[in-house]
PDB file of N, CA and C in Angstrom:
ATOM      1  N   MET A   1     -65.556 -22.820 -11.030  1.00  0.00           N
ATOM      2  CA  MET A   1     -67.000 -22.513 -10.265  1.00  0.00           C
ATOM      3  C   MET A   1     -67.263 -21.085 -10.407  1.00  0.00           C
ATOM      4  N   VAL A   2     -68.500 -20.770 -10.766  1.00  0.00           N
ATOM      5  CA  VAL A   2     -68.908 -19.268 -10.950  1.00  0.00           C
ATOM      6  C   VAL A   2     -69.476 -18.817  -9.674  1.00  0.00           C
ATOM      7  N   LYS A   3     -68.938 -17.597  -9.084  1.00  0.00           N
ATOM      8  CA  LYS A   3     -69.468 -17.161  -7.954  1.00  0.00           C
ATOM      9  C   LYS A   3     -70.497 -15.988  -8.280  1.00  0.00           C
ATOM     10  N   GLY A   4     -71.022 -15.585  -7.159  1.00  0.00           N
ATOM     11  CA  GLY A   4     -72.131 -14.513  -7.425  1.00  0.00           C
ATOM     12  C   GLY A   4     -71.477 -13.113  -8.102  1.00  0.00           C
ATOM     13  N   SER A   5     -70.335 -12.910  -7.666  1.00  0.00           N
ATOM     14  CA  SER A   5     -69.683 -11.713  -7.872  1.00  0.00           C
ATOM     15  C   SER A   5     -69.373 -11.804  -9.587  1.00  0.00           C
ATOM     16  N   ASP A   6     -68.985 -12.966  -9.980  1.00  0.00           N
ATOM     17  CA  ASP A   6     -68.680 -13.115 -11.460  1.00  0.00           C
ATOM     18  C   ASP A   6     -69.986 -13.135 -12.283  1.00  0.00           C
ATOM     19  N   VAL A   7     -71.013 -13.557 -11.678  1.00  0.00           N
ATOM     20  CA  VAL A   7     -72.323 -13.562 -12.310  1.00  0.00           C
ATOM     21  C   VAL A   7     -72.895 -11.933 -12.564  1.00  0.00           C
ATOM     22  N   LEU A   8     -72.520 -11.014 -11.589  1.00  0.00           N
ATOM     23  CA  LEU A   8     -72.772  -9.770 -11.659  1.00  0.00           C
ATOM     24  C   LEU A   8     -71.920  -9.143 -12.734  1.00  0.00           C
ATOM     25  N   LEU A   9     -70.583  -9.442 -12.590  1.00  0.00           N
ATOM     26  CA  LEU A   9     -69.572  -8.916 -13.507  1.00  0.00           C
ATOM     27  C   LEU A   9     -69.996  -9.170 -14.987  1.00  0.00           C
ATOM     28  N   ILE A  10     -70.592 -10.285 -15.219  1.00  0.00           N
ATOM     29  CA  ILE A  10     -71.044 -10.775 -16.561  1.00  0.00           C
ATOM     30  C   ILE A  10     -72.159  -9.941 -16.894  1.00  0.00           C
ATOM     31  N   PHE A  11     -73.044  -9.763 -15.998  1.00  0.00           N
ATOM     32  CA  PHE A  11     -74.282  -8.806 -16.336  1.00  0.00           C
ATOM     33  C   PHE A  11     -73.897  -7.504 -16.696  1.00  0.00           C
ATOM     34  N   VAL A  12     -72.862  -6.965 -15.914  1.00  0.00           N
ATOM     35  CA  VAL A  12     -72.217  -5.613 -16.308  1.00  0.00           C
ATOM     36  C   VAL A  12     -71.701  -5.604 -17.618  1.00  0.00           C
ATOM     37  N   ALA A  13     -71.013  -6.631 -17.843  1.00  0.00           N
ATOM     38  CA  ALA A  13     -70.243  -6.807 -19.153  1.00  0.00           C
ATOM     39  C   ALA A  13     -71.335  -6.886 -20.419  1.00  0.00           C
ATOM     40  N   ILE A  14     -72.620  -7.412 -19.956  1.00  0.00           N
ATOM     41  CA  ILE A  14     -73.695  -7.461 -21.103  1.00  0.00           C
ATOM     42  C   ILE A  14     -73.947  -6.005 -21.393  1.00  0.00           C
ATOM     43  N   LEU A  15     -74.302  -5.154 -20.195  1.00  0.00           N
ATOM     44  CA  LEU A  15     -74.905  -3.902 -20.542  1.00  0.00           C
ATOM     45  C   LEU A  15     -73.787  -2.918 -20.979  1.00  0.00           C
ATOM     46  N   PHE A  16     -72.583  -2.930 -20.380  1.00  0.00           N
ATOM     47  CA  PHE A  16     -71.597  -2.041 -20.827  1.00  0.00           C
ATOM     48  C   PHE A  16     -70.176  -2.503 -20.466  1.00  0.00           C
ATOM     49  N   PRO A  17     -69.511  -3.177 -21.551  1.00  0.00           N
ATOM     50  CA  PRO A  17     -68.356  -3.718 -21.618  1.00  0.00           C
ATOM     51  C   PRO A  17     -67.372  -2.874 -20.850  1.00  0.00           C
ATOM     52  N   PRO A  18     -67.125  -1.757 -21.148  1.00  0.00           N
ATOM     53  CA  PRO A  18     -65.955  -0.957 -20.622  1.00  0.00           C
ATOM     54  C   PRO A  18     -66.146  -0.931 -18.974  1.00  0.00           C
ATOM     55  N   ALA A  19     -67.265  -1.017 -18.439  1.00  0.00           N
ATOM     56  CA  ALA A  19     -67.328  -0.882 -17.121  1.00  0.00           C
ATOM     57  C   ALA A  19     -66.945  -2.119 -16.283  1.00  0.00           C
ATOM     58  N   ALA A  20     -67.112  -3.258 -17.034  1.00  0.00           N
ATOM     59  CA  ALA A  20     -66.646  -4.505 -16.608  1.00  0.00           C
ATOM     60  C   ALA A  20     -65.171  -4.730 -16.690  1.00  0.00           C
ATOM     61  N   ALA A  21     -64.670  -4.301 -17.670  1.00  0.00           N
ATOM     62  CA  ALA A  21     -63.154  -3.957 -17.906  1.00  0.00           C
ATOM     63  C   ALA A  21     -62.425  -3.296 -16.853  1.00  0.00           C
ATOM     64  N   ALA A  22     -63.223  -2.075 -16.503  1.00  0.00           N
ATOM     65  CA  ALA A  22     -62.635  -1.158 -15.498  1.00  0.00           C
ATOM     66  C   ALA A  22     -62.760  -2.003 -14.118  1.00  0.00           C
ATOM     67  N   PHE A  23     -63.773  -2.740 -13.870  1.00  0.00           N
ATOM     68  CA  PHE A  23     -63.661  -3.355 -12.457  1.00  0.00           C
ATOM     69  C   PHE A  23     -62.687  -4.287 -12.434  1.00  0.00           C
ATOM     70  N   ILE A  24     -62.113  -5.066 -13.509  1.00  0.00           N
ATOM     71  CA  ILE A  24     -61.320  -6.003 -13.494  1.00  0.00           C
ATOM     72  C   ILE A  24     -59.830  -5.433 -13.536  1.00  0.00           C
ATOM     73  N   THR A  25     -59.622  -4.538 -14.509  1.00  0.00           N
ATOM     74  CA  THR A  25     -58.411  -4.117 -14.579  1.00  0.00           C
ATOM     75  C   THR A  25     -57.891  -2.842 -13.988  1.00  0.00           C
ATOM     76  N   GLY A  26     -58.924  -2.059 -13.635  1.00  0.00           N
ATOM     77  CA  GLY A  26     -58.761  -0.722 -13.010  1.00  0.00           C
ATOM     78  C   GLY A  26     -58.419   0.370 -14.424  1.00  0.00           C
ATOM     79  N   CYS A  27     -57.673   1.188 -14.286  1.00  0.00           N
ATOM     80  CA  CYS A  27     -57.286   2.210 -15.275  1.00  0.00           C
ATOM     81  C   CYS A  27     -56.185   1.777 -15.805  1.00  0.00           C
ATOM     82  N   SER A  28     -56.190   0.764 -16.910  1.00  0.00           N
ATOM     83  CA  SER A  28     -55.122   0.245 -17.522  1.00  0.00           C
ATOM     84  C   SER A  28     -55.219   0.170 -18.989  1.00  0.00           C
ATOM     85  N   CYS A  29     -54.212  -0.274 -19.738  1.00  0.00           N
ATOM     86  CA  CYS A  29     -54.333  -0.268 -21.153  1.00  0.00           C
ATOM     87  C   CYS A  29     -55.602  -1.060 -21.699  1.00  0.00           C
ATOM     88  N   ASP A  30     -55.660  -2.214 -20.961  1.00  0.00           N
ATOM     89  CA  ASP A  30     -56.933  -3.045 -21.337  1.00  0.00           C
ATOM     90  C   ASP A  30     -58.251  -2.360 -21.201  1.00  0.00           C
ATOM     91  N   LEU A  31     -58.308  -1.190 -20.404  1.00  0.00           N
ATOM     92  CA  LEU A  31     -59.542  -0.525 -20.291  1.00  0.00           C
ATOM     93  C   LEU A  31     -59.878   0.368 -21.642  1.00  0.00           C
ATOM     94  N   LEU A  32     -58.696   0.840 -22.076  1.00  0.00           N
ATOM     95  CA  LEU A  32     -58.647   1.658 -23.439  1.00  0.00           C
ATOM     96  C   LEU A  32     -58.891   0.820 -24.466  1.00  0.00           C
ATOM     97  N   ILE A  33     -58.426  -0.435 -24.612  1.00  0.00           N
ATOM     98  CA  ILE A  33     -58.668  -1.277 -25.587  1.00  0.00           C
ATOM     99  C   ILE A  33     -59.922  -1.562 -25.558  1.00  0.00           C
ATOM    100  N   ASN A  34     -60.714  -1.914 -24.505  1.00  0.00           N
ATOM    101  CA  ASN A  34     -61.975  -2.359 -24.369  1.00  0.00           C
ATOM    102  C   ASN A  34     -63.021  -1.215 -24.903  1.00  0.00           C
ATOM    103  N   ILE A  35     -62.617   0.177 -24.399  1.00  0.00           N
ATOM    104  CA  ILE A  35     -63.479   1.249 -24.953  1.00  0.00           C
ATOM    105  C   ILE A  35     -63.289   1.414 -26.544  1.00  0.00           C
ATOM    106  N   LEU A  36     -62.156   1.278 -27.050  1.00  0.00           N
ATOM    107  CA  LEU A  36     -61.991   1.383 -28.431  1.00  0.00           C
ATOM    108  C   LEU A  36     -62.701   0.349 -29.100  1.00  0.00           C
ATOM    109  N   LEU A  37     -62.654  -0.949 -28.495  1.00  0.00           N
ATOM    110  CA  LEU A  37     -63.330  -1.967 -29.105  1.00  0.00           C
ATOM    111  C   LEU A  37     -64.897  -1.775 -29.281  1.00  0.00           C
ATOM    112  N   THR A  38     -65.318  -1.408 -28.127  1.00  0.00           N
ATOM    113  CA  THR A  38     -66.829  -1.207 -28.112  1.00  0.00           C
ATOM    114  C   THR A  38     -67.223  -0.039 -28.963  1.00  0.00           C
ATOM    115  N   ILE A  39     -66.460   0.980 -29.170  1.00  0.00           N
ATOM    116  CA  ILE A  39     -66.675   2.101 -30.044  1.00  0.00           C
ATOM    117  C   ILE A  39     -66.599   1.507 -31.309  1.00  0.00           C
ATOM    118  N   LEU A  40     -65.844   0.775 -31.817  1.00  0.00           N
ATOM    119  CA  LEU A  40     -65.741   0.234 -33.182  1.00  0.00           C
ATOM    120  C   LEU A  40     -66.851  -0.692 -33.406  1.00  0.00           C
ATOM    121  N   GLY A  41     -67.266  -1.484 -32.473  1.00  0.00           N
ATOM    122  CA  GLY A  41     -68.358  -2.473 -32.594  1.00  0.00           C
ATOM    123  C   GLY A  41     -68.762  -2.921 -31.327  1.00  0.00           C
ATOM    124  N   TYR A  42     -69.992  -3.099 -31.078  1.00  0.00           N
ATOM    125  CA  TYR A  42     -70.428  -3.387 -29.678  1.00  0.00           C
ATOM    126  C   TYR A  42     -70.016  -4.937 -29.506  1.00  0.00           C
ATOM    127  N   ILE A  43     -69.975  -5.762 -30.418  1.00  0.00           N
ATOM    128  CA  ILE A  43     -69.764  -7.229 -30.071  1.00  0.00           C
ATOM    129  C   ILE A  43     -68.055  -7.405 -29.772  1.00  0.00           C
ATOM    130  N   PRO A  44     -67.195  -6.768 -30.496  1.00  0.00           N
ATOM    131  CA  PRO A  44     -65.783  -6.884 -30.162  1.00  0.00           C
ATOM    132  C   PRO A  44     -65.463  -6.478 -28.617  1.00  0.00           C
ATOM    133  N   GLY A  45     -66.210  -5.309 -28.137  1.00  0.00           N
ATOM    134  CA  GLY A  45     -65.963  -5.153 -26.629  1.00  0.00           C
ATOM    135  C   GLY A  45     -66.473  -6.092 -25.726  1.00  0.00           C
ATOM    136  N   HIS A  46     -67.772  -6.613 -26.174  1.00  0.00           N
ATOM    137  CA  HIS A  46     -68.091  -7.888 -25.340  1.00  0.00           C
ATOM    138  C   HIS A  46     -67.248  -9.022 -25.215  1.00  0.00           C
ATOM    139  N   ILE A  47     -66.680  -9.365 -26.432  1.00  0.00           N
ATOM    140  CA  ILE A  47     -65.742 -10.438 -26.464  1.00  0.00           C
ATOM    141  C   ILE A  47     -64.521 -10.191 -25.569  1.00  0.00           C
ATOM    142  N   HIS A  48     -63.946  -8.821 -25.566  1.00  0.00           N
ATOM    143  CA  HIS A  48     -62.915  -8.874 -24.827  1.00  0.00           C
ATOM    144  C   HIS A  48     -63.248  -8.721 -23.311  1.00  0.00           C
ATOM    145  N   ALA A  49     -64.244  -8.126 -23.044  1.00  0.00           N
ATOM    146  CA  ALA A  49     -64.753  -8.228 -21.730  1.00  0.00           C
ATOM    147  C   ALA A  49     -64.884  -9.596 -21.151  1.00  0.00           C
ATOM    148  N   PHE A  50     -65.544 -10.390 -21.870  1.00  0.00           N
ATOM    149  CA  PHE A  50     -65.714 -11.812 -21.479  1.00  0.00           C
ATOM    150  C   PHE A  50     -64.428 -12.575 -21.373  1.00  0.00           C
ATOM    151  N   TRP A  51     -63.526 -12.042 -22.256  1.00  0.00           N
ATOM    152  CA  TRP A  51     -62.094 -12.796 -22.062  1.00  0.00           C
ATOM    153  C   TRP A  51     -61.454 -12.363 -20.704  1.00  0.00           C
ATOM    154  N   LEU A  52     -61.655 -11.019 -20.383  1.00  0.00           N
ATOM    155  CA  LEU A  52     -61.063 -10.556 -19.299  1.00  0.00           C
ATOM    156  C   LEU A  52     -61.787 -11.232 -18.005  1.00  0.00           C
ATOM    157  N   ILE A  53     -62.932 -11.644 -18.061  1.00  0.00           N
ATOM    158  CA  ILE A  53     -63.645 -12.187 -17.159  1.00  0.00           C
ATOM    159  C   ILE A  53     -63.324 -13.566 -16.972  1.00  0.00           C
ATOM    160  N   TYR A  54     -62.972 -14.285 -18.137  1.00  0.00           N
ATOM    161  CA  TYR A  54     -62.516 -15.681 -18.174  1.00  0.00           C
ATOM    162  C   TYR A  54     -61.224 -15.845 -17.367  1.00  0.00           C
ATOM    163  N   ARG A  55     -60.464 -14.861 -17.891  1.00  0.00           N
ATOM    164  CA  ARG A  55     -58.952 -14.881 -17.232  1.00  0.00           C
ATOM    165  C   ARG A  55     -58.874 -14.585 -15.823  1.00  0.00           C
ATOM    166  N   LYS A  56     -59.871 -13.695 -15.352  1.00  0.00           N
ATOM    167  CA  LYS A  56     -59.930 -13.627 -13.791  1.00  0.00           C
ATOM    168  C   LYS A  56     -60.512 -14.856 -13.088  1.00  0.00           C
ATOM    169  N   MET A  57     -61.423 -15.429 -13.675  1.00  0.00           N
ATOM    170  CA  MET A  57     -61.903 -16.634 -13.006  1.00  0.00           C
ATOM    171  C   MET A  57     -60.784 -17.640 -13.112  1.00  0.00           C
ATOM    172  N   LYS A  58     -59.936 -17.824 -14.112  1.00  0.00           N
ATOM    173  CA  LYS A  58     -58.876 -18.762 -14.154  1.00  0.00           C
ATOM    174  C   LYS A  58     -57.833 -18.603 -13.011  1.00  0.00           C
ATOM    175  N   ALA A  59     -57.681 -17.145 -12.870  1.00  0.00           N
ATOM    176  CA  ALA A  59     -56.673 -16.768 -11.769  1.00  0.00           C
ATOM    177  C   ALA A  59     -57.078 -16.927 -10.375  1.00  0.00           C
ATOM    178  N   GLU A  60     -58.385 -17.154 -10.287  1.00  0.00           N
ATOM    179  CA  GLU A  60     -59.009 -17.279  -8.909  1.00  0.00           C
ATOM    180  C   GLU A  60     -58.926 -18.846  -8.858  1.00  0.00           C
ATOM    181  N   GLU A  61     -59.171 -19.519  -9.785  1.00  0.00           N
ATOM    182  CA  GLU A  61     -58.973 -21.014  -9.518  1.00  0.00           C
ATOM    183  C   GLU A  61     -57.475 -21.388  -9.182  1.00  0.00           C
ATOM    184  N   ARG A  62     -56.739 -20.842  -9.860  1.00  0.00           N
ATOM    185  CA  ARG A  62     -55.250 -21.161  -9.776  1.00  0.00           C
ATOM    186  C   ARG A  62     -54.451 -20.647  -8.503  1.00  0.00           C
ATOM    187  N   TYR A  63     -54.934 -19.463  -8.112  1.00  0.00           N
ATOM    188  CA  TYR A  63     -54.186 -18.798  -6.912  1.00  0.00           C
ATOM    189  C   TYR A  63     -55.073 -18.653  -5.568  1.00  0.00           C
ATOM    190  N   GLY A  64     -56.343 -18.735  -5.848  1.00  0.00           N
ATOM    191  CA  GLY A  64     -57.336 -18.676  -4.751  1.00  0.00           C
ATOM    192  C   GLY A  64     -58.000 -17.080  -4.892  1.00  0.00           C
ATOM    193  N   ALA A  65     -58.923 -16.793  -4.381  1.00  0.00           N
ATOM    194  CA  ALA A  65     -59.702 -15.458  -4.415  1.00  0.00           C
ATOM    195  C   ALA A  65     -58.814 -14.433  -3.556  1.00  0.00           C
ATOM    196  N   GLY A  66     -58.550 -13.404  -4.196  1.00  0.00           N
ATOM    197  CA  GLY A  66     -57.810 -12.308  -3.643  1.00  0.00           C
ATOM    198  C   GLY A  66     -56.367 -12.731  -3.449  1.00  0.00           C
ATOM    199  N   ALA A  67     -55.645 -13.716  -4.083  1.00  0.00           N
ATOM    200  CA  ALA A  67     -54.443 -13.945  -3.924  1.00  0.00           C
ATOM    201  C   ALA A  67     -53.432 -13.863  -5.096  1.00  0.00           C
ATOM    202  N   PHE A  68     -53.989 -12.688  -5.930  1.00  0.00           N
ATOM    203  CA  PHE A  68     -53.430 -12.549  -7.150  1.00  0.00           C
ATOM    204  C   PHE A  68     -53.471 -11.140  -7.614  1.00  0.00           C
ATOM    205  N   ARG A  69     -52.629 -10.775  -8.514  1.00  0.00           N
ATOM    206  CA  ARG A  69     -52.625  -9.287  -8.945  1.00  0.00           C
ATOM    207  C   ARG A  69     -52.576  -9.280 -10.429  1.00  0.00           C
ATOM    208  N   TYR A  70     -53.257  -8.443 -10.874  1.00  0.00           N
ATOM    209  CA  TYR A  70     -53.547  -8.172 -12.478  1.00  0.00           C
ATOM    210  C   TYR A  70     -52.112  -7.588 -12.913  1.00  0.00           C
ATOM    211  N   THR A  71     -51.386  -8.092 -13.869  1.00  0.00           N
ATOM    212  CA  THR A  71     -50.394  -7.387 -14.426  1.00  0.00           C
ATOM    213  C   THR A  71     -50.367  -7.057 -15.794  1.00  0.00           C
ATOM    214  N   GLY A  72     -51.536  -7.056 -16.305  1.00  0.00           N
ATOM    215  CA  GLY A  72     -51.666  -6.428 -17.789  1.00  0.00           C
ATOM    216  C   GLY A  72     -51.908  -7.608 -18.838  1.00  0.00           C
ATOM    217  N   ASN A  73     -52.489  -7.505 -19.828  1.00  0.00           N
ATOM    218  CA  ASN A  73     -52.728  -8.123 -21.005  1.00  0.00           C
ATOM    219  C   ASN A  73     -53.376  -9.377 -20.564  1.00  0.00           C
ATOM    220  N   GLY A  74     -54.240  -9.517 -19.602  1.00  0.00           N
ATOM    221  CA  GLY A  74     -54.929 -10.774 -19.264  1.00  0.00           C
ATOM    222  C   GLY A  74     -54.229 -11.600 -18.125  1.00  0.00           C
ATOM    223  N   THR A  75     -53.044 -11.220 -17.836  1.00  0.00           N
ATOM    224  CA  THR A  75     -52.227 -12.141 -17.034  1.00  0.00           C
ATOM    225  C   THR A  75     -52.238 -11.803 -15.515  1.00  0.00           C
ATOM    226  N   TYR A  76     -52.028 -12.705 -14.833  1.00  0.00           N
ATOM    227  CA  TYR A  76     -51.883 -12.345 -13.266  1.00  0.00           C
ATOM    228  C   TYR A  76     -50.855 -13.152 -12.768  1.00  0.00           C
ATOM    229  N   GLU A  77     -50.431 -12.647 -11.482  1.00  0.00           N
ATOM    230  CA  GLU A  77     -49.355 -13.426 -10.779  1.00  0.00           C
ATOM    231  C   GLU A  77     -49.752 -13.282  -9.177  1.00  0.00           C
ATOM    232  N   PRO A  78     -49.282 -14.511  -8.623  1.00  0.00           N
ATOM    233  CA  PRO A  78     -49.685 -14.468  -7.305  1.00  0.00           C
ATOM    234  C   PRO A  78     -49.024 -13.302  -6.426  1.00  0.00           C
ATOM    235  N   LEU A  79     -49.635 -13.176  -5.197  1.00  0.00           N
ATOM    236  CA  LEU A  79     -49.250 -12.012  -4.226  1.00  0.00           C
ATOM    237  C   LEU A  79     -47.874 -12.632  -3.408  1.00  0.00           C
ATOM    238  N   ALA A  80     -48.203 -13.897  -3.089  1.00  0.00           N
ATOM    239  CA  ALA A  80     -47.209 -14.498  -2.192  1.00  0.00           C
ATOM    240  C   ALA A  80     -46.583 -15.633  -3.029  1.00  0.00           C
ATOM    241  N   PRO A  81     -45.308 -16.102  -3.002  1.00  0.00           N
ATOM    242  CA  PRO A  81     -44.995 -17.138  -3.653  1.00  0.00           C
ATOM    243  C   PRO A  81     -45.596 -18.557  -3.099  1.00  0.00           C
ATOM    244  N   GLY A  82     -46.017 -19.535  -3.960  1.00  0.00           N
ATOM    245  CA  GLY A  82     -46.640 -20.549  -3.381  1.00  0.00           C
ATOM    246  C   GLY A  82     -45.628 -21.842  -3.178  1.00  0.00           C
ATOM    247  N   PRO A  83     -45.871 -22.890  -2.802  1.00  0.00           N
ATOM    248  CA  PRO A  83     -44.763 -23.998  -2.692  1.00  0.00           C
ATOM    249  C   PRO A  83     -44.353 -24.301  -3.993  1.00  0.00           C
ATOM    250  N   GLY A  84     -42.869 -24.349  -3.953  1.00  0.00           N
ATOM    251  CA  GLY A  84     -42.098 -24.795  -5.067  1.00  0.00           C
ATOM    252  C   GLY A  84     -41.726 -23.667  -5.997  1.00  0.00           C
ATOM    253  N   GLN A  85     -42.164 -22.382  -5.620  1.00  0.00           N
ATOM    254  CA  GLN A  85     -41.799 -21.211  -6.352  1.00  0.00           C
ATOM    255  C   GLN A  85     -40.584 -20.642  -5.658  1.00  0.00           C
ATOM    256  N   ASN A  86     -39.656 -20.173  -6.475  1.00  0.00           N
ATOM    257  CA  ASN A  86     -38.557 -19.489  -5.964  1.00  0.00           C
ATOM    258  C   ASN A  86     -38.869 -18.165  -5.221  1.00  0.00           C
ATOM    259  N   GLN A  87     -38.225 -17.926  -4.085  1.00  0.00           N
ATOM    260  CA  GLN A  87     -38.433 -16.609  -3.492  1.00  0.00           C
ATOM    261  C   GLN A  87     -37.078 -16.125  -3.165  1.00  0.00           C
ATOM    262  N   ALA A  88     -36.955 -14.593  -3.647  1.00  0.00           N
ATOM    263  CA  ALA A  88     -35.826 -13.947  -3.521  1.00  0.00           C
ATOM    264  C   ALA A  88     -35.399 -13.337  -1.962  1.00  0.00           C
ATOM    265  N   TYR A  89     -34.454 -13.586  -1.636  1.00  0.00           N
ATOM    266  CA  TYR A  89     -33.982 -13.324  -0.112  1.00  0.00           C
ATOM    267  C   TYR A  89     -33.036 -12.090  -0.155  1.00  0.00           C
ATOM    268  N   TYR A  90     -32.740 -11.583  -1.339  1.00  0.00           N
ATOM    269  CA  TYR A  90     -31.862 -10.378  -1.250  1.00  0.00           C
ATOM    270  C   TYR A  90     -30.820 -10.162  -0.307  1.00  0.00           C
ATOM    271  N   GLY A  91     -29.967 -11.306  -0.266  1.00  0.00           N
ATOM    272  CA  GLY A  91     -28.636 -11.184   0.469  1.00  0.00           C
ATOM    273  C   GLY A  91     -28.742 -12.043   1.770  1.00  0.00           C
ATOM    274  N   ALA A  92     -30.091 -12.268   2.312  1.00  0.00           N
ATOM    275  CA  ALA A  92     -30.095 -13.013   3.272  1.00  0.00           C
ATOM    276  C   ALA A  92     -30.038 -14.408   3.151  1.00  0.00           C
ATOM    277  N   THR A  93     -29.372 -15.310   4.016  1.00  0.00           N
ATOM    278  CA  THR A  93     -29.267 -16.681   4.014  1.00  0.00           C
ATOM    279  C   THR A  93     -30.523 -17.354   4.428  1.00  0.00           C
ATOM    280  N   THR A  94     -30.787 -18.581   3.878  1.00  0.00           N
ATOM    281  CA  THR A  94     -31.766 -19.381   4.311  1.00  0.00           C
ATOM    282  C   THR A  94     -31.354 -20.775   4.722  1.00  0.00           C
ATOM    283  N   ASN A  95     -31.810 -21.394   5.716  1.00  0.00           N
ATOM    284  CA  ASN A  95     -31.312 -22.839   6.164  1.00  0.00           C
ATOM    285  C   ASN A  95     -32.348 -23.751   5.933  1.00  0.00           C
TER     286      ASN A  95
END
């Protein structure tokens, strides 16, 4: 489902793809990649920005809004382990 913030992000990606990449990834390698792709050709920068938006929308569907962290290369991980995921206890015992 497309939210209002995603529509705004798509609009920003149409106007200036590196800005959309910066909103999604922050100051990361993906931002640098998007800047270089936009300099090399405007369309590759768009494709990369739309791919980042798509991956963010899939992470929202999978983990819920705000329940994930960007780890780079278009991948996300949950902030808290969900049901069925192993959790490290670091020496503590669980019953």
